[in-house]
Amino acid sequence: MVERRTYERARERLEIRVTWPGEGTQLGRTRDFSNRGTYIEVRFQRLPPRGTEMALQLNGTVQGRKAPLLRARVVRADTGGIAFEFI
């Protein structure tokens, strides 16, 4: 299989809050991330469809402040988690 990723991926385990409007917020962990997106091991009651927009937020503080919210779009979802591209 040919690697088509443009951005290098960092393999870091960060705790992330994932908010799906109308479905709630779940706590998950990144498997990896890049400048373009991330895969988060998280589960909701149902799998979100491709293209669903969600909010991602580091569970903690950055420089003493609440971490900023990032908007992201679902690229794919499976029983292990969700792949996102940042918006």
N, C-alpha and C. Protein backbone atom coordinates (compact mmCIF):
# COMPACT_ATOMS: atom_id res chain seq x y z
N MET A 1 0.84 -1.17 0.00
CA MET A 1 0.00 0.00 0.00
C MET A 1 0.90 1.25 0.00
N VAL A 2 0.55 2.22 -0.79
CA VAL A 2 1.32 3.45 -0.93
C VAL A 2 0.87 4.45 0.13
N GLU A 3 1.82 5.04 0.84
CA GLU A 3 1.53 6.06 1.85
C GLU A 3 1.22 7.37 1.13
N ARG A 4 0.02 7.94 1.37
CA ARG A 4 -0.40 9.15 0.70
C ARG A 4 -0.49 10.35 1.63
N ARG A 5 -0.10 10.20 2.87
CA ARG A 5 -0.20 11.30 3.82
C ARG A 5 0.85 12.38 3.50
N THR A 6 0.41 13.61 3.57
CA THR A 6 1.28 14.75 3.32
C THR A 6 2.01 15.17 4.59
N TYR A 7 1.33 15.06 5.73
CA TYR A 7 1.88 15.52 7.01
C TYR A 7 2.34 14.34 7.86
N GLU A 8 3.46 14.52 8.53
CA GLU A 8 3.98 13.50 9.43
C GLU A 8 3.05 13.35 10.62
N ARG A 9 2.86 12.12 11.08
CA ARG A 9 1.99 11.84 12.22
C ARG A 9 2.81 11.68 13.49
N ALA A 10 2.31 12.27 14.57
CA ALA A 10 2.91 12.10 15.90
C ALA A 10 2.08 11.06 16.64
N ARG A 11 2.74 10.10 17.23
CA ARG A 11 2.05 9.07 18.00
C ARG A 11 2.09 9.46 19.47
N GLU A 12 1.08 10.20 19.88
CA GLU A 12 0.96 10.68 21.25
C GLU A 12 -0.40 10.31 21.81
N ARG A 13 -0.43 10.02 23.09
CA ARG A 13 -1.67 9.67 23.77
C ARG A 13 -2.13 10.88 24.58
N LEU A 14 -3.01 11.68 24.01
CA LEU A 14 -3.55 12.86 24.67
C LEU A 14 -5.02 12.64 24.98
N GLU A 15 -5.46 13.05 26.15
CA GLU A 15 -6.86 12.93 26.52
C GLU A 15 -7.64 14.09 25.90
N ILE A 16 -8.68 13.76 25.15
CA ILE A 16 -9.44 14.74 24.38
C ILE A 16 -10.93 14.62 24.66
N ARG A 17 -11.59 15.76 24.81
CA ARG A 17 -13.06 15.79 24.90
C ARG A 17 -13.59 15.92 23.47
N VAL A 18 -14.50 15.04 23.11
CA VAL A 18 -15.10 15.06 21.78
C VAL A 18 -16.58 15.38 21.95
N THR A 19 -17.02 16.51 21.38
CA THR A 19 -18.41 16.91 21.50
C THR A 19 -19.10 16.78 20.15
N TRP A 20 -20.16 15.99 20.14
CA TRP A 20 -21.00 15.79 18.97
C TRP A 20 -22.31 16.49 19.27
N PRO A 21 -22.57 17.66 18.65
CA PRO A 21 -23.80 18.39 18.95
C PRO A 21 -25.04 17.50 18.84
N GLY A 22 -25.84 17.54 19.88
CA GLY A 22 -27.06 16.73 19.93
C GLY A 22 -26.84 15.33 20.46
N GLU A 23 -25.58 14.90 20.58
CA GLU A 23 -25.27 13.54 21.03
C GLU A 23 -24.45 13.53 22.32
N GLY A 24 -23.90 14.67 22.71
CA GLY A 24 -23.16 14.75 23.96
C GLY A 24 -21.66 14.82 23.79
N THR A 25 -20.96 14.70 24.92
CA THR A 25 -19.51 14.77 24.97
C THR A 25 -18.95 13.49 25.56
N GLN A 26 -17.91 12.95 24.94
CA GLN A 26 -17.23 11.76 25.42
C GLN A 26 -15.75 12.07 25.55
N LEU A 27 -15.12 11.40 26.49
CA LEU A 27 -13.68 11.53 26.67
C LEU A 27 -12.98 10.43 25.90
N GLY A 28 -11.96 10.78 25.13
CA GLY A 28 -11.21 9.80 24.35
C GLY A 28 -9.73 10.08 24.41
N ARG A 29 -8.95 9.28 23.69
CA ARG A 29 -7.49 9.46 23.63
C ARG A 29 -7.04 9.41 22.18
N THR A 30 -6.12 10.31 21.86
CA THR A 30 -5.57 10.29 20.51
C THR A 30 -4.71 9.05 20.33
N ARG A 31 -4.75 8.49 19.16
CA ARG A 31 -3.82 7.43 18.78
C ARG A 31 -2.64 8.06 18.05
N ASP A 32 -2.97 9.05 17.23
CA ASP A 32 -1.96 9.84 16.52
C ASP A 32 -2.60 11.12 16.03
N PHE A 33 -1.76 12.08 15.62
CA PHE A 33 -2.29 13.31 15.06
C PHE A 33 -1.24 13.96 14.18
N SER A 34 -1.71 14.88 13.34
CA SER A 34 -0.83 15.63 12.45
C SER A 34 -1.38 17.05 12.35
N ASN A 35 -0.79 17.86 11.50
CA ASN A 35 -1.31 19.21 11.27
C ASN A 35 -2.68 19.19 10.62
N ARG A 36 -3.01 18.09 9.97
CA ARG A 36 -4.25 18.00 9.20
C ARG A 36 -5.39 17.33 9.95
N GLY A 37 -5.07 16.40 10.88
CA GLY A 37 -6.14 15.68 11.55
C GLY A 37 -5.64 14.76 12.64
N THR A 38 -6.55 13.93 13.15
CA THR A 38 -6.24 13.03 14.25
C THR A 38 -7.15 11.82 14.25
N TYR A 39 -6.71 10.76 14.88
CA TYR A 39 -7.56 9.60 15.15
C TYR A 39 -7.72 9.54 16.65
N ILE A 40 -8.98 9.52 17.11
CA ILE A 40 -9.26 9.50 18.54
C ILE A 40 -10.02 8.23 18.88
N GLU A 41 -9.51 7.51 19.86
CA GLU A 41 -10.19 6.31 20.36
C GLU A 41 -11.30 6.79 21.29
N VAL A 42 -12.51 6.80 20.79
CA VAL A 42 -13.67 7.31 21.51
C VAL A 42 -14.91 6.57 21.01
N ARG A 43 -15.92 6.46 21.87
CA ARG A 43 -17.15 5.77 21.48
C ARG A 43 -18.37 6.59 21.85
N PHE A 44 -19.29 6.65 20.92
CA PHE A 44 -20.60 7.24 21.14
C PHE A 44 -21.62 6.10 21.02
N GLN A 45 -22.88 6.37 21.34
CA GLN A 45 -23.92 5.35 21.25
C GLN A 45 -24.02 4.78 19.83
N ARG A 46 -23.79 5.64 18.85
CA ARG A 46 -23.82 5.20 17.45
C ARG A 46 -22.61 5.80 16.73
N LEU A 47 -22.27 5.25 15.58
CA LEU A 47 -21.15 5.77 14.80
C LEU A 47 -21.59 7.01 14.03
N PRO A 48 -20.81 8.08 14.10
CA PRO A 48 -21.19 9.29 13.36
C PRO A 48 -20.93 9.11 11.87
N PRO A 49 -21.81 9.65 11.04
CA PRO A 49 -21.59 9.57 9.60
C PRO A 49 -20.42 10.44 9.14
N ARG A 50 -19.83 10.04 8.04
CA ARG A 50 -18.75 10.83 7.42
C ARG A 50 -19.25 12.24 7.18
N GLY A 51 -18.41 13.24 7.48
CA GLY A 51 -18.78 14.63 7.25
C GLY A 51 -19.37 15.32 8.47
N THR A 52 -19.69 14.56 9.53
CA THR A 52 -20.24 15.16 10.74
C THR A 52 -19.20 16.08 11.37
N GLU A 53 -19.63 17.29 11.75
CA GLU A 53 -18.73 18.23 12.41
C GLU A 53 -18.84 18.08 13.91
N MET A 54 -17.68 18.06 14.56
CA MET A 54 -17.61 17.93 16.02
C MET A 54 -16.60 18.92 16.56
N ALA A 55 -16.60 19.09 17.89
CA ALA A 55 -15.64 19.96 18.56
C ALA A 55 -14.69 19.08 19.37
N LEU A 56 -13.39 19.38 19.28
CA LEU A 56 -12.37 18.64 20.01
C LEU A 56 -11.68 19.62 20.96
N GLN A 57 -11.37 19.12 22.17
CA GLN A 57 -10.69 19.98 23.14
C GLN A 57 -9.80 19.12 24.02
N LEU A 58 -8.56 19.54 24.16
CA LEU A 58 -7.64 18.88 25.06
C LEU A 58 -8.24 18.91 26.46
N ASN A 59 -8.23 17.79 27.15
CA ASN A 59 -8.80 17.72 28.49
C ASN A 59 -7.76 18.22 29.49
N GLY A 60 -7.76 19.50 29.71
CA GLY A 60 -6.80 20.10 30.61
C GLY A 60 -6.59 21.56 30.26
N THR A 61 -5.47 22.09 30.67
CA THR A 61 -5.18 23.49 30.41
C THR A 61 -3.93 23.64 29.56
N VAL A 62 -3.84 24.77 28.89
CA VAL A 62 -2.67 25.13 28.09
C VAL A 62 -2.22 26.50 28.59
N GLN A 63 -1.02 26.57 29.12
CA GLN A 63 -0.48 27.80 29.70
C GLN A 63 -1.44 28.39 30.74
N GLY A 64 -2.00 27.52 31.57
CA GLY A 64 -2.87 27.96 32.66
C GLY A 64 -4.29 28.32 32.26
N ARG A 65 -4.63 28.13 31.00
CA ARG A 65 -5.98 28.45 30.53
C ARG A 65 -6.65 27.20 29.97
N LYS A 66 -7.97 27.24 29.95
CA LYS A 66 -8.73 26.16 29.33
C LYS A 66 -8.29 26.02 27.88
N ALA A 67 -8.08 24.80 27.43
CA ALA A 67 -7.62 24.56 26.06
C ALA A 67 -8.66 25.05 25.05
N PRO A 68 -8.20 25.54 23.88
CA PRO A 68 -9.14 26.02 22.87
C PRO A 68 -9.92 24.85 22.23
N LEU A 69 -11.10 25.18 21.72
CA LEU A 69 -11.90 24.22 20.97
C LEU A 69 -11.42 24.19 19.53
N LEU A 70 -11.33 23.00 18.97
CA LEU A 70 -10.99 22.84 17.55
C LEU A 70 -12.19 22.23 16.85
N ARG A 71 -12.49 22.73 15.68
CA ARG A 71 -13.55 22.14 14.87
C ARG A 71 -12.93 21.07 13.99
N ALA A 72 -13.65 19.95 13.87
CA ALA A 72 -13.14 18.84 13.07
C ALA A 72 -14.30 18.13 12.39
N ARG A 73 -13.99 17.48 11.28
CA ARG A 73 -14.99 16.75 10.48
C ARG A 73 -14.62 15.28 10.46
N VAL A 74 -15.62 14.42 10.60
CA VAL A 74 -15.39 12.97 10.58
C VAL A 74 -15.00 12.52 9.18
N VAL A 75 -13.87 11.82 9.09
CA VAL A 75 -13.41 11.23 7.83
C VAL A 75 -13.88 9.78 7.76
N ARG A 76 -13.76 9.09 8.91
CA ARG A 76 -14.29 7.72 9.01
C ARG A 76 -14.48 7.40 10.48
N ALA A 77 -15.38 6.46 10.75
CA ALA A 77 -15.63 6.02 12.13
C ALA A 77 -15.75 4.50 12.12
N ASP A 78 -15.18 3.89 13.15
CA ASP A 78 -15.29 2.44 13.32
C ASP A 78 -15.45 2.15 14.80
N THR A 79 -15.52 0.90 15.17
CA THR A 79 -15.74 0.54 16.57
C THR A 79 -14.58 0.94 17.48
N GLY A 80 -13.43 1.24 16.91
CA GLY A 80 -12.26 1.65 17.70
C GLY A 80 -12.17 3.13 17.95
N GLY A 81 -12.83 3.93 17.10
CA GLY A 81 -12.75 5.38 17.26
C GLY A 81 -13.12 6.13 16.00
N ILE A 82 -12.66 7.38 15.94
CA ILE A 82 -13.04 8.27 14.84
C ILE A 82 -11.80 8.97 14.28
N ALA A 83 -11.69 8.99 12.96
CA ALA A 83 -10.65 9.74 12.27
C ALA A 83 -11.25 11.10 11.88
N PHE A 84 -10.53 12.16 12.24
CA PHE A 84 -10.99 13.51 11.98
C PHE A 84 -10.01 14.27 11.09
N GLU A 85 -10.55 15.22 10.31
CA GLU A 85 -9.72 16.23 9.67
C GLU A 85 -10.10 17.55 10.31
N PHE A 86 -9.10 18.37 10.60
CA PHE A 86 -9.36 19.66 11.21
C PHE A 86 -9.96 20.61 10.19
N ILE A 87 -10.87 21.45 10.64
CA ILE A 87 -11.53 22.44 9.78
C ILE A 87 -10.88 23.79 10.01
